[in-house]
C-alpha cells in the first residue's frame, strides 16, 4: 500500500494527542482554562479540515487503507484519545453543573433572608451630599 492518505490519519492522531494533552494540563491546573481553550478549539477545527481531506480522497484509495494494519493501529489510538477527551469533558461538565446548582442554592438562601428579588424596596438612608 502506498502512503496515500496515511499521513492524514497520522495527523488526526497527532491532533487528538495534542487535545488529550491540553485536557490533561487543564485537569491539573484549572487557572489555565482561558489560555488553553483557544488551542483546543484550534485543534478541533484542524480535525475538521483533515477529515474533510480524507473524505475528498478517492474511494478506492480509502478502501485500500482500511485494510491496513498500520491504519487500524492509528485508528485505535485515535479512538483511545477521543474517549479520554470525552471522559474529561464529561467530568468538567459535571463539575460545572454542580457549581451552578450551588450558586442557585446560594441565591435562594440570600433571597430568603434578605429578600433581594423584591424590586419595590425603599432606601433606608439618604446621601447628605445631595
N, C-alpha and C. Protein backbone atom coordinates (compact mmCIF):
# COMPACT_ATOMS: atom_id res chain seq x y z
N UNK A 1 0.84 -1.19 0.00
CA UNK A 1 0.00 0.00 0.00
C UNK A 1 0.88 1.24 0.00
N UNK A 2 0.56 2.21 -0.85
CA UNK A 2 1.30 3.45 -0.79
C UNK A 2 0.75 4.28 0.37
N UNK A 3 1.39 5.37 0.65
CA UNK A 3 1.01 6.18 1.80
C UNK A 3 -0.01 7.25 1.42
N UNK A 4 -0.91 6.99 0.50
CA UNK A 4 -1.92 7.93 0.05
C UNK A 4 -2.41 8.89 1.11
N UNK A 5 -3.32 8.44 1.92
CA UNK A 5 -3.89 9.29 2.97
C UNK A 5 -3.35 8.96 4.35
N UNK A 6 -2.39 8.04 4.42
CA UNK A 6 -1.90 7.62 5.73
C UNK A 6 -1.38 8.80 6.54
N UNK A 7 -0.74 9.76 5.87
CA UNK A 7 -0.23 10.92 6.61
C UNK A 7 -1.38 11.72 7.23
N UNK A 8 -2.55 11.71 6.58
CA UNK A 8 -3.70 12.42 7.15
C UNK A 8 -4.19 11.74 8.42
N UNK A 9 -4.19 10.42 8.40
CA UNK A 9 -4.59 9.68 9.60
C UNK A 9 -3.59 9.91 10.73
N UNK A 10 -2.32 10.00 10.39
CA UNK A 10 -1.30 10.27 11.40
C UNK A 10 -1.47 11.69 11.96
N UNK A 11 -1.88 12.63 11.10
CA UNK A 11 -2.16 13.98 11.57
C UNK A 11 -3.38 13.99 12.51
N UNK A 12 -4.37 13.15 12.21
CA UNK A 12 -5.52 13.02 13.12
C UNK A 12 -5.07 12.51 14.49
N UNK A 13 -4.18 11.54 14.48
CA UNK A 13 -3.65 11.00 15.73
C UNK A 13 -2.90 12.09 16.49
N UNK A 14 -2.08 12.84 15.79
CA UNK A 14 -1.34 13.93 16.43
C UNK A 14 -2.31 14.98 16.99
N UNK A 15 -3.34 15.27 16.23
CA UNK A 15 -4.35 16.25 16.65
C UNK A 15 -5.03 15.81 17.95
N UNK A 16 -5.46 14.55 18.01
CA UNK A 16 -6.13 14.07 19.22
C UNK A 16 -5.15 13.95 20.38
N UNK A 17 -3.90 13.64 20.08
CA UNK A 17 -2.89 13.58 21.14
C UNK A 17 -2.67 14.96 21.76
N UNK A 18 -2.64 15.99 20.93
CA UNK A 18 -2.49 17.37 21.44
C UNK A 18 -3.72 17.76 22.26
N UNK A 19 -4.92 17.42 21.78
CA UNK A 19 -6.13 17.74 22.54
C UNK A 19 -6.13 17.00 23.87
N UNK A 20 -5.70 15.77 23.87
CA UNK A 20 -5.64 14.99 25.11
C UNK A 20 -4.66 15.64 26.08
N UNK A 21 -3.52 16.07 25.56
CA UNK A 21 -2.52 16.73 26.40
C UNK A 21 -3.10 18.03 26.99
N UNK A 22 -3.83 18.77 26.19
CA UNK A 22 -4.45 20.02 26.66
C UNK A 22 -5.43 19.71 27.79
N UNK A 23 -6.25 18.69 27.60
CA UNK A 23 -7.23 18.33 28.64
C UNK A 23 -6.53 17.86 29.91
N UNK A 24 -5.44 17.11 29.77
CA UNK A 24 -4.69 16.66 30.93
C UNK A 24 -4.08 17.85 31.67
N UNK A 25 -3.51 18.80 30.92
CA UNK A 25 -2.95 20.00 31.53
C UNK A 25 -4.04 20.79 32.25
N UNK A 26 -5.20 20.85 31.66
CA UNK A 26 -6.31 21.60 32.25
C UNK A 26 -6.80 20.93 33.53
N UNK A 27 -6.80 19.61 33.58
CA UNK A 27 -7.26 18.93 34.79
C UNK A 27 -6.27 19.13 35.93
N UNK A 28 -5.02 19.41 35.62
CA UNK A 28 -4.01 19.66 36.65
C UNK A 28 -4.08 21.12 37.12
N UNK A 29 -4.26 22.04 36.19
CA UNK A 29 -4.22 23.47 36.52
C UNK A 29 -5.42 24.17 35.91
N UNK A 30 -6.48 24.33 36.70
CA UNK A 30 -7.73 24.92 36.20
C UNK A 30 -7.60 26.41 35.87
N UNK A 31 -6.60 27.09 36.43
CA UNK A 31 -6.44 28.51 36.14
C UNK A 31 -6.03 28.76 34.69
N UNK A 32 -5.53 27.73 34.03
CA UNK A 32 -5.07 27.87 32.64
C UNK A 32 -6.21 27.76 31.64
N UNK A 33 -7.45 27.57 32.11
CA UNK A 33 -8.57 27.29 31.21
C UNK A 33 -8.71 28.34 30.11
N UNK A 34 -8.65 29.61 30.47
CA UNK A 34 -8.81 30.67 29.48
C UNK A 34 -7.70 30.69 28.46
N UNK A 35 -6.50 30.28 28.87
CA UNK A 35 -5.35 30.26 27.96
C UNK A 35 -5.38 29.05 27.03
N UNK A 36 -5.90 27.94 27.52
CA UNK A 36 -5.84 26.67 26.79
C UNK A 36 -6.98 26.51 25.78
N UNK A 37 -8.14 27.04 26.10
CA UNK A 37 -9.32 26.83 25.26
C UNK A 37 -9.10 27.20 23.79
N UNK A 38 -8.47 28.33 23.46
CA UNK A 38 -8.26 28.63 22.03
C UNK A 38 -7.44 27.56 21.31
N UNK A 39 -6.45 26.98 21.99
CA UNK A 39 -5.64 25.93 21.36
C UNK A 39 -6.47 24.68 21.14
N UNK A 40 -7.30 24.34 22.12
CA UNK A 40 -8.15 23.17 21.98
C UNK A 40 -9.09 23.35 20.79
N UNK A 41 -9.70 24.51 20.66
CA UNK A 41 -10.61 24.79 19.54
C UNK A 41 -9.88 24.82 18.21
N UNK A 42 -8.64 25.29 18.22
CA UNK A 42 -7.83 25.29 17.00
C UNK A 42 -7.63 23.86 16.50
N UNK A 43 -7.33 22.94 17.42
CA UNK A 43 -7.16 21.54 17.03
C UNK A 43 -8.49 20.93 16.60
N UNK A 44 -9.58 21.40 17.17
CA UNK A 44 -10.90 20.93 16.77
C UNK A 44 -11.17 21.30 15.31
N UNK A 45 -10.84 22.53 14.94
CA UNK A 45 -11.01 22.97 13.55
C UNK A 45 -10.04 22.23 12.62
N UNK A 46 -8.84 21.97 13.11
CA UNK A 46 -7.85 21.22 12.34
C UNK A 46 -8.37 19.82 12.05
N UNK A 47 -9.01 19.19 13.05
CA UNK A 47 -9.63 17.87 12.89
C UNK A 47 -10.63 17.90 11.73
N UNK A 48 -11.46 18.93 11.70
CA UNK A 48 -12.46 19.04 10.63
C UNK A 48 -11.81 19.14 9.26
N UNK A 49 -10.74 19.91 9.16
CA UNK A 49 -10.05 20.05 7.87
C UNK A 49 -9.45 18.72 7.41
N UNK A 50 -8.85 18.00 8.34
CA UNK A 50 -8.24 16.71 7.98
C UNK A 50 -9.30 15.71 7.55
N UNK A 51 -10.38 15.60 8.32
CA UNK A 51 -11.42 14.63 7.97
C UNK A 51 -12.08 15.00 6.64
N UNK A 52 -12.17 16.29 6.35
CA UNK A 52 -12.70 16.70 5.04
C UNK A 52 -11.76 16.27 3.92
N UNK A 53 -10.46 16.41 4.14
CA UNK A 53 -9.48 15.99 3.13
C UNK A 53 -9.54 14.48 2.92
N UNK A 54 -9.72 13.73 3.99
CA UNK A 54 -9.86 12.27 3.85
C UNK A 54 -11.13 11.95 3.07
N UNK A 55 -12.20 12.63 3.39
CA UNK A 55 -13.47 12.40 2.70
C UNK A 55 -13.42 12.75 1.23
N UNK A 56 -12.56 13.70 0.87
CA UNK A 56 -12.44 14.11 -0.53
C UNK A 56 -11.50 13.22 -1.35
N UNK A 57 -10.83 12.28 -0.70
CA UNK A 57 -9.92 11.39 -1.42
C UNK A 57 -10.72 10.37 -2.24
N UNK A 58 -10.03 9.71 -3.12
CA UNK A 58 -10.67 8.72 -3.98
C UNK A 58 -11.13 7.52 -3.16
N UNK A 59 -12.34 7.04 -3.38
CA UNK A 59 -12.85 5.90 -2.60
C UNK A 59 -11.97 4.66 -2.69
N UNK A 60 -11.39 4.40 -3.84
CA UNK A 60 -10.57 3.20 -3.97
C UNK A 60 -9.30 3.30 -3.10
N UNK A 61 -8.78 4.52 -2.91
CA UNK A 61 -7.63 4.69 -2.02
C UNK A 61 -8.03 4.41 -0.58
N UNK A 62 -9.21 4.87 -0.18
CA UNK A 62 -9.66 4.66 1.20
C UNK A 62 -9.89 3.18 1.47
N UNK A 63 -10.41 2.44 0.50
CA UNK A 63 -10.67 1.01 0.70
C UNK A 63 -9.36 0.28 0.96
N UNK A 64 -8.32 0.61 0.17
CA UNK A 64 -7.00 0.01 0.39
C UNK A 64 -6.51 0.33 1.79
N UNK A 65 -6.66 1.58 2.20
CA UNK A 65 -6.15 1.99 3.51
C UNK A 65 -6.90 1.31 4.63
N UNK A 66 -8.17 1.08 4.46
CA UNK A 66 -8.97 0.47 5.52
C UNK A 66 -8.54 -0.97 5.79
N UNK A 67 -7.86 -1.58 4.86
CA UNK A 67 -7.39 -2.95 5.04
C UNK A 67 -6.00 -3.00 5.66
N UNK A 68 -5.43 -1.86 5.98
CA UNK A 68 -4.07 -1.78 6.50
C UNK A 68 -4.04 -1.95 8.02
N UNK A 69 -3.12 -2.79 8.51
CA UNK A 69 -2.96 -2.98 9.95
C UNK A 69 -2.41 -1.71 10.59
N UNK A 70 -1.54 -1.01 9.89
CA UNK A 70 -0.99 0.25 10.42
C UNK A 70 -2.10 1.26 10.65
N UNK A 71 -3.02 1.34 9.70
CA UNK A 71 -4.14 2.26 9.87
C UNK A 71 -5.02 1.84 11.04
N UNK A 72 -5.24 0.56 11.19
CA UNK A 72 -6.04 0.07 12.32
C UNK A 72 -5.41 0.49 13.65
N UNK A 73 -4.09 0.37 13.74
CA UNK A 73 -3.40 0.78 14.97
C UNK A 73 -3.56 2.28 15.23
N UNK A 74 -3.44 3.07 14.17
CA UNK A 74 -3.61 4.52 14.31
C UNK A 74 -5.04 4.84 14.75
N UNK A 75 -6.01 4.20 14.12
CA UNK A 75 -7.42 4.46 14.45
C UNK A 75 -7.74 4.06 15.89
N UNK A 76 -7.14 2.96 16.37
CA UNK A 76 -7.35 2.55 17.76
C UNK A 76 -6.77 3.60 18.72
N UNK A 77 -5.62 4.15 18.37
CA UNK A 77 -5.02 5.20 19.21
C UNK A 77 -5.86 6.46 19.18
N UNK A 78 -6.37 6.83 18.00
CA UNK A 78 -7.25 7.99 17.89
C UNK A 78 -8.49 7.78 18.75
N UNK A 79 -9.08 6.60 18.67
CA UNK A 79 -10.28 6.29 19.45
C UNK A 79 -10.00 6.38 20.95
N UNK A 80 -8.86 5.87 21.39
CA UNK A 80 -8.50 5.94 22.81
C UNK A 80 -8.37 7.39 23.26
N UNK A 81 -7.75 8.23 22.41
CA UNK A 81 -7.62 9.65 22.74
C UNK A 81 -8.98 10.33 22.83
N UNK A 82 -9.84 10.05 21.85
CA UNK A 82 -11.16 10.67 21.83
C UNK A 82 -11.98 10.24 23.05
N UNK A 83 -11.90 8.97 23.42
CA UNK A 83 -12.63 8.50 24.61
C UNK A 83 -12.10 9.18 25.87
N UNK A 84 -10.80 9.35 25.96
CA UNK A 84 -10.20 10.02 27.12
C UNK A 84 -10.67 11.48 27.19
N UNK A 85 -10.63 12.16 26.05
CA UNK A 85 -11.07 13.56 25.99
C UNK A 85 -12.54 13.65 26.37
N UNK A 86 -13.35 12.75 25.84
CA UNK A 86 -14.79 12.74 26.14
C UNK A 86 -15.02 12.56 27.64
N UNK A 87 -14.31 11.64 28.26
CA UNK A 87 -14.46 11.40 29.70
C UNK A 87 -14.08 12.64 30.50
N UNK A 88 -13.00 13.30 30.11
CA UNK A 88 -12.59 14.50 30.83
C UNK A 88 -13.57 15.64 30.63
N UNK A 89 -14.12 15.77 29.43
CA UNK A 89 -15.14 16.79 29.19
C UNK A 89 -16.40 16.51 30.01
N UNK A 90 -16.75 15.24 30.15
CA UNK A 90 -17.91 14.85 30.95
C UNK A 90 -17.70 15.22 32.42
N UNK A 91 -16.51 14.96 32.93
CA UNK A 91 -16.19 15.32 34.32
C UNK A 91 -16.28 16.84 34.49
N UNK A 92 -15.72 17.57 33.53
CA UNK A 92 -15.75 19.04 33.59
C UNK A 92 -17.19 19.54 33.55
N UNK A 93 -18.02 18.94 32.71
CA UNK A 93 -19.42 19.33 32.62
C UNK A 93 -20.15 19.04 33.93
N UNK A 94 -19.88 17.90 34.53
CA UNK A 94 -20.49 17.55 35.81
C UNK A 94 -20.11 18.54 36.89
N UNK A 95 -18.83 18.93 36.93
CA UNK A 95 -18.38 19.91 37.92
C UNK A 95 -19.06 21.26 37.71
N UNK A 96 -19.17 21.67 36.46
CA UNK A 96 -19.82 22.94 36.15
C UNK A 96 -21.28 22.90 36.56
N UNK A 97 -21.96 21.78 36.31
CA UNK A 97 -23.36 21.64 36.71
C UNK A 97 -23.53 21.72 38.21
N UNK A 98 -22.65 21.07 38.96
CA UNK A 98 -22.76 21.13 40.42
C UNK A 98 -22.43 22.52 40.93
N UNK A 99 -21.48 23.21 40.29
CA UNK A 99 -21.18 24.59 40.67
C UNK A 99 -22.39 25.49 40.45
N UNK A 100 -23.08 25.30 39.32
CA UNK A 100 -24.27 26.11 39.04
C UNK A 100 -25.39 25.83 40.05
N UNK A 101 -25.55 24.56 40.43
CA UNK A 101 -26.56 24.23 41.45
C UNK A 101 -26.22 24.91 42.77
N UNK A 102 -24.95 24.96 43.10
CA UNK A 102 -24.52 25.63 44.33
C UNK A 102 -24.82 27.11 44.30
N UNK A 103 -24.60 27.74 43.17
CA UNK A 103 -24.88 29.17 43.03
C UNK A 103 -26.38 29.43 43.16
N UNK A 104 -27.19 28.58 42.53
CA UNK A 104 -28.66 28.74 42.64
C UNK A 104 -29.11 28.60 44.09
N UNK A 105 -28.54 27.64 44.80
CA UNK A 105 -28.89 27.44 46.20
C UNK A 105 -28.51 28.68 47.02
N UNK A 106 -27.33 29.22 46.77
CA UNK A 106 -26.90 30.42 47.48
C UNK A 106 -27.82 31.59 47.18
N UNK A 107 -28.25 31.72 45.92
CA UNK A 107 -29.17 32.80 45.56
C UNK A 107 -30.49 32.64 46.30
N UNK A 108 -30.99 31.42 46.41
CA UNK A 108 -32.25 31.18 47.13
C UNK A 108 -32.12 31.54 48.60
N UNK A 109 -30.99 31.17 49.21
CA UNK A 109 -30.77 31.49 50.62
C UNK A 109 -30.71 33.00 50.82
N UNK A 110 -29.93 33.68 49.96
CA UNK A 110 -29.84 35.14 50.08
C UNK A 110 -31.20 35.79 49.90
N UNK A 111 -31.97 35.31 48.94
CA UNK A 111 -33.29 35.88 48.70
C UNK A 111 -34.22 35.61 49.89
N UNK A 112 -34.11 34.42 50.48
CA UNK A 112 -34.97 34.08 51.61
C UNK A 112 -34.66 34.96 52.82
N UNK A 113 -33.39 35.23 53.06
CA UNK A 113 -33.02 36.02 54.24
C UNK A 113 -33.06 37.53 53.99
N UNK A 114 -32.71 37.95 52.80
CA UNK A 114 -32.58 39.38 52.55
C UNK A 114 -33.58 39.90 51.53
N UNK A 115 -34.43 39.04 50.98
CA UNK A 115 -35.48 39.42 50.03
C UNK A 115 -34.91 40.27 48.89
N UNK A 116 -33.84 39.77 48.26
CA UNK A 116 -33.16 40.52 47.20
C UNK A 116 -33.98 40.67 45.93
N UNK A 117 -34.94 39.81 45.71
CA UNK A 117 -35.75 39.90 44.49
C UNK A 117 -36.87 40.92 44.61
N UNK A 118 -37.05 41.50 45.76
CA UNK A 118 -38.11 42.49 45.95
C UNK A 118 -37.67 43.80 45.31
N UNK A 119 -38.35 44.22 44.27
CA UNK A 119 -37.95 45.40 43.49
C UNK A 119 -38.54 46.70 44.04
N UNK A 120 -39.49 46.61 44.98
CA UNK A 120 -40.13 47.82 45.46
C UNK A 120 -39.55 48.28 46.81
N UNK A 121 -38.29 47.98 47.05
CA UNK A 121 -37.66 48.41 48.28
C UNK A 121 -37.37 49.91 48.23
N UNK A 122 -37.39 50.52 49.38
CA UNK A 122 -37.11 51.95 49.51
C UNK A 122 -35.80 52.08 50.27
N UNK A 123 -34.98 53.04 49.86
CA UNK A 123 -33.71 53.25 50.54
C UNK A 123 -33.96 53.63 51.99
N UNK A 124 -33.16 53.11 52.90
CA UNK A 124 -33.33 53.38 54.32
C UNK A 124 -32.53 54.59 54.79
N UNK A 125 -31.64 55.09 53.98
CA UNK A 125 -30.86 56.27 54.34
C UNK A 125 -30.68 57.12 53.10
N UNK A 126 -30.37 58.38 53.33
CA UNK A 126 -30.18 59.32 52.23
C UNK A 126 -28.75 59.83 52.23
N UNK A 127 -28.27 60.15 51.07
CA UNK A 127 -26.93 60.72 50.96
C UNK A 127 -27.03 62.20 51.28
N UNK A 128 -26.35 62.62 52.31
CA UNK A 128 -26.45 64.02 52.77
C UNK A 128 -25.83 64.99 51.80
N UNK A 129 -25.00 64.53 50.89
CA UNK A 129 -24.33 65.44 49.94
C UNK A 129 -25.28 65.93 48.86
N UNK A 130 -26.40 65.31 48.67
CA UNK A 130 -27.30 65.72 47.58
C UNK A 130 -28.27 66.75 48.02
